[in-house]
Amino acid sequence: MWLARIDNKIAELQRREAEREHGRRVRAATPEWIVQLGIGTGRPPVQVHAGDCYAAGSRRRAINRDEARQLLASGLPACPHCQPDIDLRILD
């Protein structure tokens, strides 16, 4: 009886670990740059962030390096926490 319980527990733990590993493999890669979007009609861009910035809001979309540079050059503010303007070499 105890041996069956131990075997079931081991099988359950192995299944959980396999699920975690599968989740790690299929998870989307973190984008290099993101733009935070505002509220309202058209959801205008609000700030440019590095892809792993903790301060980016939930309304965002991934952008490439050129688009991030273009948005910063056009006057869109950079996040003061991750400072993408420094990484992209955009000087005021």
PDB file of N, CA and C in Angstrom:
ATOM      1  N   MET A   1       0.825  -1.188   0.000  1.00  0.00           N
ATOM      2  CA  MET A   1       0.000   0.000   0.000  1.00  0.00           C
ATOM      3  C   MET A   1       0.873   1.257   0.000  1.00  0.00           C
ATOM      4  N   TRP A   2       1.876   1.321   0.872  1.00  0.00           N
ATOM      5  CA  TRP A   2       2.744   2.500   0.930  1.00  0.00           C
ATOM      6  C   TRP A   2       3.585   2.631  -0.333  1.00  0.00           C
ATOM      7  N   LEU A   3       4.005   1.497  -0.857  1.00  0.00           N
ATOM      8  CA  LEU A   3       4.810   1.533  -2.073  1.00  0.00           C
ATOM      9  C   LEU A   3       4.008   2.122  -3.235  1.00  0.00           C
ATOM     10  N   ALA A   4       2.739   1.795  -3.332  1.00  0.00           N
ATOM     11  CA  ALA A   4       1.879   2.345  -4.383  1.00  0.00           C
ATOM     12  C   ALA A   4       1.710   3.851  -4.201  1.00  0.00           C
ATOM     13  N   ARG A   5       1.556   4.326  -2.976  1.00  0.00           N
ATOM     14  CA  ARG A   5       1.428   5.772  -2.718  1.00  0.00           C
ATOM     15  C   ARG A   5       2.711   6.503  -3.104  1.00  0.00           C
ATOM     16  N   ILE A   6       3.845   5.926  -2.754  1.00  0.00           N
ATOM     17  CA  ILE A   6       5.131   6.556  -3.079  1.00  0.00           C
ATOM     18  C   ILE A   6       5.325   6.595  -4.596  1.00  0.00           C
ATOM     19  N   ASP A   7       5.008   5.495  -5.281  1.00  0.00           N
ATOM     20  CA  ASP A   7       5.122   5.465  -6.741  1.00  0.00           C
ATOM     21  C   ASP A   7       4.203   6.499  -7.390  1.00  0.00           C
ATOM     22  N   ASN A   8       2.977   6.642  -6.874  1.00  0.00           N
ATOM     23  CA  ASN A   8       2.042   7.641  -7.411  1.00  0.00           C
ATOM     24  C   ASN A   8       2.566   9.060  -7.202  1.00  0.00           C
ATOM     25  N   LYS A   9       3.136   9.302  -6.032  1.00  0.00           N
ATOM     26  CA  LYS A   9       3.676  10.631  -5.737  1.00  0.00           C
ATOM     27  C   LYS A   9       4.856  10.954  -6.651  1.00  0.00           C
ATOM     28  N   ILE A  10       5.743   9.979  -6.865  1.00  0.00           N
ATOM     29  CA  ILE A  10       6.886  10.184  -7.766  1.00  0.00           C
ATOM     30  C   ILE A  10       6.395  10.464  -9.181  1.00  0.00           C
ATOM     31  N   ALA A  11       5.424   9.713  -9.649  1.00  0.00           N
ATOM     32  CA  ALA A  11       4.877   9.920 -10.993  1.00  0.00           C
ATOM     33  C   ALA A  11       4.244  11.302 -11.118  1.00  0.00           C
ATOM     34  N   GLU A  12       3.542  11.740 -10.084  1.00  0.00           N
ATOM     35  CA  GLU A  12       2.919  13.070 -10.098  1.00  0.00           C
ATOM     36  C   GLU A  12       3.967  14.172 -10.151  1.00  0.00           C
ATOM     37  N   LEU A  13       5.041  14.044  -9.367  1.00  0.00           N
ATOM     38  CA  LEU A  13       6.110  15.042  -9.373  1.00  0.00           C
ATOM     39  C   LEU A  13       6.830  15.077 -10.717  1.00  0.00           C
ATOM     40  N   GLN A  14       7.042  13.929 -11.324  1.00  0.00           N
ATOM     41  CA  GLN A  14       7.674  13.894 -12.643  1.00  0.00           C
ATOM     42  C   GLN A  14       6.785  14.542 -13.694  1.00  0.00           C
ATOM     43  N   ARG A  15       5.476  14.333 -13.595  1.00  0.00           N
ATOM     44  CA  ARG A  15       4.539  14.954 -14.535  1.00  0.00           C
ATOM     45  C   ARG A  15       4.548  16.470 -14.378  1.00  0.00           C
ATOM     46  N   ARG A  16       4.563  16.951 -13.138  1.00  0.00           N
ATOM     47  CA  ARG A  16       4.603  18.402 -12.895  1.00  0.00           C
ATOM     48  C   ARG A  16       5.874  19.022 -13.455  1.00  0.00           C
ATOM     49  N   GLU A  17       7.002  18.351 -13.242  1.00  0.00           N
ATOM     50  CA  GLU A  17       8.272  18.878 -13.748  1.00  0.00           C
ATOM     51  C   GLU A  17       8.278  18.897 -15.274  1.00  0.00           C
ATOM     52  N   ALA A  18       7.708  17.880 -15.903  1.00  0.00           N
ATOM     53  CA  ALA A  18       7.610  17.851 -17.363  1.00  0.00           C
ATOM     54  C   ALA A  18       6.738  19.002 -17.864  1.00  0.00           C
ATOM     55  N   GLU A  19       5.654  19.301 -17.162  1.00  0.00           N
ATOM     56  CA  GLU A  19       4.796  20.427 -17.545  1.00  0.00           C
ATOM     57  C   GLU A  19       5.524  21.752 -17.407  1.00  0.00           C
ATOM     58  N   ARG A  20       6.286  21.925 -16.340  1.00  0.00           N
ATOM     59  CA  ARG A  20       7.064  23.158 -16.158  1.00  0.00           C
ATOM     60  C   ARG A  20       8.088  23.327 -17.277  1.00  0.00           C
ATOM     61  N   GLU A  21       8.781  22.236 -17.609  1.00  0.00           N
ATOM     62  CA  GLU A  21       9.783  22.303 -18.671  1.00  0.00           C
ATOM     63  C   GLU A  21       9.141  22.626 -20.010  1.00  0.00           C
ATOM     64  N   HIS A  22       7.990  22.035 -20.278  1.00  0.00           N
ATOM     65  CA  HIS A  22       7.265  22.342 -21.513  1.00  0.00           C
ATOM     66  C   HIS A  22       6.876  23.823 -21.548  1.00  0.00           C
ATOM     67  N   GLY A  23       6.419  24.361 -20.425  1.00  0.00           N
ATOM     68  CA  GLY A  23       6.067  25.784 -20.341  1.00  0.00           C
ATOM     69  C   GLY A  23       7.256  26.685 -20.606  1.00  0.00           C
ATOM     70  N   ARG A  24       8.425  26.311 -20.105  1.00  0.00           N
ATOM     71  CA  ARG A  24       9.633  27.105 -20.352  1.00  0.00           C
ATOM     72  C   ARG A  24      10.004  27.105 -21.827  1.00  0.00           C
ATOM     73  N   ARG A  25       9.828  25.953 -22.485  1.00  0.00           N
ATOM     74  CA  ARG A  25      10.216  25.850 -23.896  1.00  0.00           C
ATOM     75  C   ARG A  25       9.280  26.631 -24.810  1.00  0.00           C
ATOM     76  N   VAL A  26       7.974  26.621 -24.530  1.00  0.00           N
ATOM     77  CA  VAL A  26       7.015  27.256 -25.430  1.00  0.00           C
ATOM     78  C   VAL A  26       6.741  28.714 -25.096  1.00  0.00           C
ATOM     79  N   ARG A  27       7.259  29.204 -23.977  1.00  0.00           N
ATOM     80  CA  ARG A  27       7.047  30.600 -23.602  1.00  0.00           C
ATOM     81  C   ARG A  27       7.712  31.508 -24.629  1.00  0.00           C
ATOM     82  N   ALA A  28       7.020  32.552 -25.014  1.00  0.00           N
ATOM     83  CA  ALA A  28       7.552  33.500 -25.990  1.00  0.00           C
ATOM     84  C   ALA A  28       8.774  34.218 -25.428  1.00  0.00           C
ATOM     85  N   ALA A  29       9.708  34.492 -26.305  1.00  0.00           N
ATOM     86  CA  ALA A  29      10.917  35.205 -25.896  1.00  0.00           C
ATOM     87  C   ALA A  29      10.569  36.650 -25.535  1.00  0.00           C
ATOM     88  N   THR A  30      11.311  37.212 -24.606  1.00  0.00           N
ATOM     89  CA  THR A  30      11.117  38.600 -24.212  1.00  0.00           C
ATOM     90  C   THR A  30      11.572  39.505 -25.346  1.00  0.00           C
ATOM     91  N   PRO A  31      10.729  40.456 -25.773  1.00  0.00           N
ATOM     92  CA  PRO A  31      11.147  41.354 -26.850  1.00  0.00           C
ATOM     93  C   PRO A  31      12.267  42.271 -26.375  1.00  0.00           C
ATOM     94  N   GLU A  32      13.048  42.762 -27.317  1.00  0.00           N
ATOM     95  CA  GLU A  32      14.155  43.645 -26.960  1.00  0.00           C
ATOM     96  C   GLU A  32      13.645  45.020 -26.522  1.00  0.00           C
ATOM     97  N   TRP A  33      12.613  45.521 -27.200  1.00  0.00           N
ATOM     98  CA  TRP A  33      12.047  46.840 -26.890  1.00  0.00           C
ATOM     99  C   TRP A  33      10.537  46.750 -26.927  1.00  0.00           C
ATOM    100  N   ILE A  34       9.874  47.547 -26.092  1.00  0.00           N
ATOM    101  CA  ILE A  34       8.416  47.608 -26.090  1.00  0.00           C
ATOM    102  C   ILE A  34       7.971  49.065 -25.988  1.00  0.00           C
ATOM    103  N   VAL A  35       6.784  49.321 -26.484  1.00  0.00           N
ATOM    104  CA  VAL A  35       6.187  50.643 -26.340  1.00  0.00           C
ATOM    105  C   VAL A  35       4.931  50.471 -25.509  1.00  0.00           C
ATOM    106  N   GLN A  36       4.817  51.306 -24.484  1.00  0.00           N
ATOM    107  CA  GLN A  36       3.630  51.307 -23.628  1.00  0.00           C
ATOM    108  C   GLN A  36       2.567  52.117 -24.330  1.00  0.00           C
ATOM    109  N   LEU A  37       1.349  51.576 -24.375  1.00  0.00           N
ATOM    110  CA  LEU A  37       0.251  52.229 -25.084  1.00  0.00           C
ATOM    111  C   LEU A  37      -0.695  52.888 -24.104  1.00  0.00           C
ATOM    112  N   GLY A  38      -1.283  53.991 -24.531  1.00  0.00           N
ATOM    113  CA  GLY A  38      -2.195  54.737 -23.685  1.00  0.00           C
ATOM    114  C   GLY A  38      -3.620  54.221 -23.778  1.00  0.00           C
ATOM    115  N   ILE A  39      -4.493  54.901 -23.070  1.00  0.00           N
ATOM    116  CA  ILE A  39      -5.906  54.564 -23.059  1.00  0.00           C
ATOM    117  C   ILE A  39      -6.613  55.490 -24.037  1.00  0.00           C
ATOM    118  N   GLY A  40      -7.646  54.999 -24.664  1.00  0.00           N
ATOM    119  CA  GLY A  40      -8.445  55.856 -25.520  1.00  0.00           C
ATOM    120  C   GLY A  40      -8.399  55.450 -26.970  1.00  0.00           C
ATOM    121  N   THR A  41      -8.960  56.307 -27.787  1.00  0.00           N
ATOM    122  CA  THR A  41      -9.071  56.040 -29.202  1.00  0.00           C
ATOM    123  C   THR A  41      -7.695  55.916 -29.834  1.00  0.00           C
ATOM    124  N   GLY A  42      -7.457  54.803 -30.483  1.00  0.00           N
ATOM    125  CA  GLY A  42      -6.195  54.592 -31.170  1.00  0.00           C
ATOM    126  C   GLY A  42      -5.057  54.133 -30.282  1.00  0.00           C
ATOM    127  N   ARG A  43      -5.263  54.140 -28.975  1.00  0.00           N
ATOM    128  CA  ARG A  43      -4.232  53.749 -28.009  1.00  0.00           C
ATOM    129  C   ARG A  43      -2.863  54.323 -28.385  1.00  0.00           C
ATOM    130  N   PRO A  44      -2.695  55.627 -28.226  1.00  0.00           N
ATOM    131  CA  PRO A  44      -1.440  56.264 -28.623  1.00  0.00           C
ATOM    132  C   PRO A  44      -0.265  55.788 -27.768  1.00  0.00           C
ATOM    133  N   PRO A  45       0.950  55.779 -28.330  1.00  0.00           N
ATOM    134  CA  PRO A  45       2.126  55.389 -27.546  1.00  0.00           C
ATOM    135  C   PRO A  45       2.398  56.395 -26.435  1.00  0.00           C
ATOM    136  N   VAL A  46       2.856  55.887 -25.286  1.00  0.00           N
ATOM    137  CA  VAL A  46       3.093  56.731 -24.122  1.00  0.00           C
ATOM    138  C   VAL A  46       4.574  56.787 -23.773  1.00  0.00           C
ATOM    139  N   GLN A  47       5.236  55.627 -23.722  1.00  0.00           N
ATOM    140  CA  GLN A  47       6.645  55.543 -23.333  1.00  0.00           C
ATOM    141  C   GLN A  47       7.309  54.372 -24.024  1.00  0.00           C
ATOM    142  N   VAL A  48       8.628  54.497 -24.221  1.00  0.00           N
ATOM    143  CA  VAL A  48       9.429  53.403 -24.756  1.00  0.00           C
ATOM    144  C   VAL A  48      10.153  52.741 -23.586  1.00  0.00           C
ATOM    145  N   HIS A  49      10.163  51.394 -23.581  1.00  0.00           N
ATOM    146  CA  HIS A  49      10.791  50.621 -22.508  1.00  0.00           C
ATOM    147  C   HIS A  49      11.705  49.552 -23.105  1.00  0.00           C
ATOM    148  N   ALA A  50      12.661  49.100 -22.318  1.00  0.00           N
ATOM    149  CA  ALA A  50      13.396  47.888 -22.652  1.00  0.00           C
ATOM    150  C   ALA A  50      12.426  46.719 -22.475  1.00  0.00           C
ATOM    151  N   GLY A  51      12.659  45.633 -23.169  1.00  0.00           N
ATOM    152  CA  GLY A  51      11.728  44.506 -23.156  1.00  0.00           C
ATOM    153  C   GLY A  51      11.509  43.882 -21.799  1.00  0.00           C
ATOM    154  N   ASP A  52      12.492  43.967 -20.909  1.00  0.00           N
ATOM    155  CA  ASP A  52      12.365  43.339 -19.598  1.00  0.00           C
ATOM    156  C   ASP A  52      12.075  44.340 -18.483  1.00  0.00           C
ATOM    157  N   CYS A  53      11.625  45.526 -18.824  1.00  0.00           N
ATOM    158  CA  CYS A  53      11.371  46.569 -17.829  1.00  0.00           C
ATOM    159  C   CYS A  53      10.174  46.209 -16.946  1.00  0.00           C
ATOM    160  N   TYR A  54      10.364  46.323 -15.651  1.00  0.00           N
ATOM    161  CA  TYR A  54       9.293  46.021 -14.700  1.00  0.00           C
ATOM    162  C   TYR A  54       8.252  47.129 -14.640  1.00  0.00           C
ATOM    163  N   ALA A  55       8.572  48.313 -15.109  1.00  0.00           N
ATOM    164  CA  ALA A  55       7.666  49.456 -14.978  1.00  0.00           C
ATOM    165  C   ALA A  55       6.708  49.602 -16.158  1.00  0.00           C
ATOM    166  N   ALA A  56       6.865  48.776 -17.181  1.00  0.00           N
ATOM    167  CA  ALA A  56       5.968  48.867 -18.336  1.00  0.00           C
ATOM    168  C   ALA A  56       4.579  48.390 -17.929  1.00  0.00           C
ATOM    169  N   GLY A  57       3.579  49.072 -18.383  1.00  0.00           N
ATOM    170  CA  GLY A  57       2.205  48.701 -18.045  1.00  0.00           C
ATOM    171  C   GLY A  57       1.747  47.472 -18.810  1.00  0.00           C
ATOM    172  N   SER A  58       0.501  47.122 -18.628  1.00  0.00           N
ATOM    173  CA  SER A  58      -0.034  45.925 -19.282  1.00  0.00           C
ATOM    174  C   SER A  58      -0.419  46.186 -20.735  1.00  0.00           C
ATOM    175  N   ARG A  59      -0.647  47.426 -21.113  1.00  0.00           N
ATOM    176  CA  ARG A  59      -0.967  47.766 -22.498  1.00  0.00           C
ATOM    177  C   ARG A  59       0.339  48.101 -23.203  1.00  0.00           C
ATOM    178  N   ARG A  60       0.835  47.162 -23.985  1.00  0.00           N
ATOM    179  CA  ARG A  60       2.115  47.363 -24.649  1.00  0.00           C
ATOM    180  C   ARG A  60       2.203  46.483 -25.878  1.00  0.00           C
ATOM    181  N   ARG A  61       3.175  46.789 -26.723  1.00  0.00           N
ATOM    182  CA  ARG A  61       3.451  45.948 -27.885  1.00  0.00           C
ATOM    183  C   ARG A  61       4.945  45.954 -28.149  1.00  0.00           C
ATOM    184  N   ALA A  62       5.415  44.868 -28.714  1.00  0.00           N
ATOM    185  CA  ALA A  62       6.835  44.740 -29.023  1.00  0.00           C
ATOM    186  C   ALA A  62       7.176  45.585 -30.240  1.00  0.00           C
ATOM    187  N   ILE A  63       8.340  46.181 -30.217  1.00  0.00           N
ATOM    188  CA  ILE A  63       8.832  46.962 -31.354  1.00  0.00           C
ATOM    189  C   ILE A  63      10.285  46.583 -31.598  1.00  0.00           C
ATOM    190  N   ASN A  64      10.768  46.889 -32.804  1.00  0.00           N
ATOM    191  CA  ASN A  64      12.165  46.598 -33.103  1.00  0.00           C
ATOM    192  C   ASN A  64      13.030  47.809 -32.761  1.00  0.00           C
ATOM    193  N   ARG A  65      14.329  47.637 -32.878  1.00  0.00           N
ATOM    194  CA  ARG A  65      15.289  48.674 -32.495  1.00  0.00           C
ATOM    195  C   ARG A  65      15.075  49.965 -33.296  1.00  0.00           C
ATOM    196  N   ASP A  66      14.849  49.837 -34.596  1.00  0.00           N
ATOM    197  CA  ASP A  66      14.669  51.026 -35.435  1.00  0.00           C
ATOM    198  C   ASP A  66      13.420  51.809 -35.050  1.00  0.00           C
ATOM    199  N   GLU A  67      12.333  51.096 -34.784  1.00  0.00           N
ATOM    200  CA  GLU A  67      11.104  51.778 -34.387  1.00  0.00           C
ATOM    201  C   GLU A  67      11.268  52.450 -33.025  1.00  0.00           C
ATOM    202  N   ALA A  68      11.977  51.801 -32.113  1.00  0.00           N
ATOM    203  CA  ALA A  68      12.226  52.405 -30.799  1.00  0.00           C
ATOM    204  C   ALA A  68      13.033  53.694 -30.959  1.00  0.00           C
ATOM    205  N   ARG A  69      14.060  53.658 -31.781  1.00  0.00           N
ATOM    206  CA  ARG A  69      14.863  54.867 -32.020  1.00  0.00           C
ATOM    207  C   ARG A  69      14.025  55.970 -32.663  1.00  0.00           C
ATOM    208  N   GLN A  70      13.185  55.582 -33.611  1.00  0.00           N
ATOM    209  CA  GLN A  70      12.330  56.565 -34.292  1.00  0.00           C
ATOM    210  C   GLN A  70      11.349  57.206 -33.321  1.00  0.00           C
ATOM    211  N   LEU A  71      10.732  56.413 -32.455  1.00  0.00           N
ATOM    212  CA  LEU A  71       9.781  56.958 -31.481  1.00  0.00           C
ATOM    213  C   LEU A  71      10.476  57.899 -30.500  1.00  0.00           C
ATOM    214  N   LEU A  72      11.654  57.519 -30.034  1.00  0.00           N
ATOM    215  CA  LEU A  72      12.392  58.387 -29.104  1.00  0.00           C
ATOM    216  C   LEU A  72      12.835  59.672 -29.787  1.00  0.00           C
ATOM    217  N   ALA A  73      13.275  59.569 -31.032  1.00  0.00           N
ATOM    218  CA  ALA A  73      13.714  60.759 -31.772  1.00  0.00           C
ATOM    219  C   ALA A  73      12.549  61.705 -32.056  1.00  0.00           C
ATOM    220  N   SER A  74      11.339  61.152 -32.177  1.00  0.00           N
ATOM    221  CA  SER A  74      10.179  61.999 -32.448  1.00  0.00           C
ATOM    222  C   SER A  74       9.641  62.682 -31.189  1.00  0.00           C
ATOM    223  N   GLY A  75      10.236  62.398 -30.021  1.00  0.00           N
ATOM    224  CA  GLY A  75       9.841  63.089 -28.804  1.00  0.00           C
ATOM    225  C   GLY A  75       9.097  62.251 -27.790  1.00  0.00           C
ATOM    226  N   LEU A  76       8.865  60.982 -28.072  1.00  0.00           N
ATOM    227  CA  LEU A  76       8.194  60.114 -27.102  1.00  0.00           C
ATOM    228  C   LEU A  76       9.146  59.894 -25.925  1.00  0.00           C
ATOM    229  N   PRO A  77       8.667  60.047 -24.708  1.00  0.00           N
ATOM    230  CA  PRO A  77       9.573  59.914 -23.555  1.00  0.00           C
ATOM    231  C   PRO A  77      10.064  58.479 -23.354  1.00  0.00           C
ATOM    232  N   ALA A  78      11.271  58.387 -22.832  1.00  0.00           N
ATOM    233  CA  ALA A  78      11.862  57.096 -22.477  1.00  0.00           C
ATOM    234  C   ALA A  78      11.530  56.799 -21.014  1.00  0.00           C
ATOM    235  N   CYS A  79      11.446  55.551 -20.681  1.00  0.00           N
ATOM    236  CA  CYS A  79      11.181  55.145 -19.301  1.00  0.00           C
ATOM    237  C   CYS A  79      12.353  55.579 -18.420  1.00  0.00           C
ATOM    238  N   PRO A  80      12.084  56.236 -17.295  1.00  0.00           N
ATOM    239  CA  PRO A  80      13.183  56.661 -16.422  1.00  0.00           C
ATOM    240  C   PRO A  80      13.809  55.501 -15.639  1.00  0.00           C
ATOM    241  N   HIS A  81      13.158  54.348 -15.628  1.00  0.00           N
ATOM    242  CA  HIS A  81      13.682  53.207 -14.873  1.00  0.00           C
ATOM    243  C   HIS A  81      14.672  52.387 -15.695  1.00  0.00           C
ATOM    244  N   CYS A  82      14.275  51.978 -16.910  1.00  0.00           N
ATOM    245  CA  CYS A  82      15.154  51.140 -17.728  1.00  0.00           C
ATOM    246  C   CYS A  82      16.020  51.958 -18.685  1.00  0.00           C
ATOM    247  N   GLN A  83      15.694  53.208 -18.905  1.00  0.00           N
ATOM    248  CA  GLN A  83      16.445  54.168 -19.720  1.00  0.00           C
ATOM    249  C   GLN A  83      16.849  53.620 -21.091  1.00  0.00           C
ATOM    250  N   PRO A  84      15.871  53.334 -21.951  1.00  0.00           N
ATOM    251  CA  PRO A  84      16.201  52.803 -23.273  1.00  0.00           C
ATOM    252  C   PRO A  84      16.914  53.815 -24.159  1.00  0.00           C
ATOM    253  N   ASP A  85      16.749  55.096 -23.884  1.00  0.00           N
ATOM    254  CA  ASP A  85      17.420  56.110 -24.696  1.00  0.00           C
ATOM    255  C   ASP A  85      18.937  56.003 -24.567  1.00  0.00           C
ATOM    256  N   ILE A  86      19.426  55.595 -23.409  1.00  0.00           N
ATOM    257  CA  ILE A  86      20.870  55.434 -23.222  1.00  0.00           C
ATOM    258  C   ILE A  86      21.357  54.220 -24.015  1.00  0.00           C
ATOM    259  N   ASP A  87      20.635  53.110 -23.922  1.00  0.00           N
ATOM    260  CA  ASP A  87      21.026  51.908 -24.669  1.00  0.00           C
ATOM    261  C   ASP A  87      20.951  52.110 -26.184  1.00  0.00           C
ATOM    262  N   LEU A  88      19.997  52.925 -26.617  1.00  0.00           N
ATOM    263  CA  LEU A  88      19.828  53.192 -28.057  1.00  0.00           C
ATOM    264  C   LEU A  88      20.656  54.378 -28.532  1.00  0.00           C
ATOM    265  N   ARG A  89      21.379  54.991 -27.599  1.00  0.00           N
ATOM    266  CA  ARG A  89      22.255  56.140 -27.902  1.00  0.00           C
ATOM    267  C   ARG A  89      21.473  57.316 -28.509  1.00  0.00           C
ATOM    268  N   ILE A  90      20.331  57.617 -27.897  1.00  0.00           N
ATOM    269  CA  ILE A  90      19.542  58.787 -28.274  1.00  0.00           C
ATOM    270  C   ILE A  90      19.815  59.844 -27.227  1.00  0.00           C
ATOM    271  N   LEU A  91      20.441  60.925 -27.615  1.00  0.00           N
ATOM    272  CA  LEU A  91      20.797  61.988 -26.679  1.00  0.00           C
ATOM    273  C   LEU A  91      19.876  63.166 -26.865  1.00  0.00           C
ATOM    274  N   ASP A  92      19.521  63.808 -25.771  1.00  0.00           N
ATOM    275  CA  ASP A  92      18.647  65.010 -25.839  1.00  0.00           C
ATOM    276  C   ASP A  92      19.419  66.200 -26.326  1.00  0.00           C
TER     277      ASP A  92
END
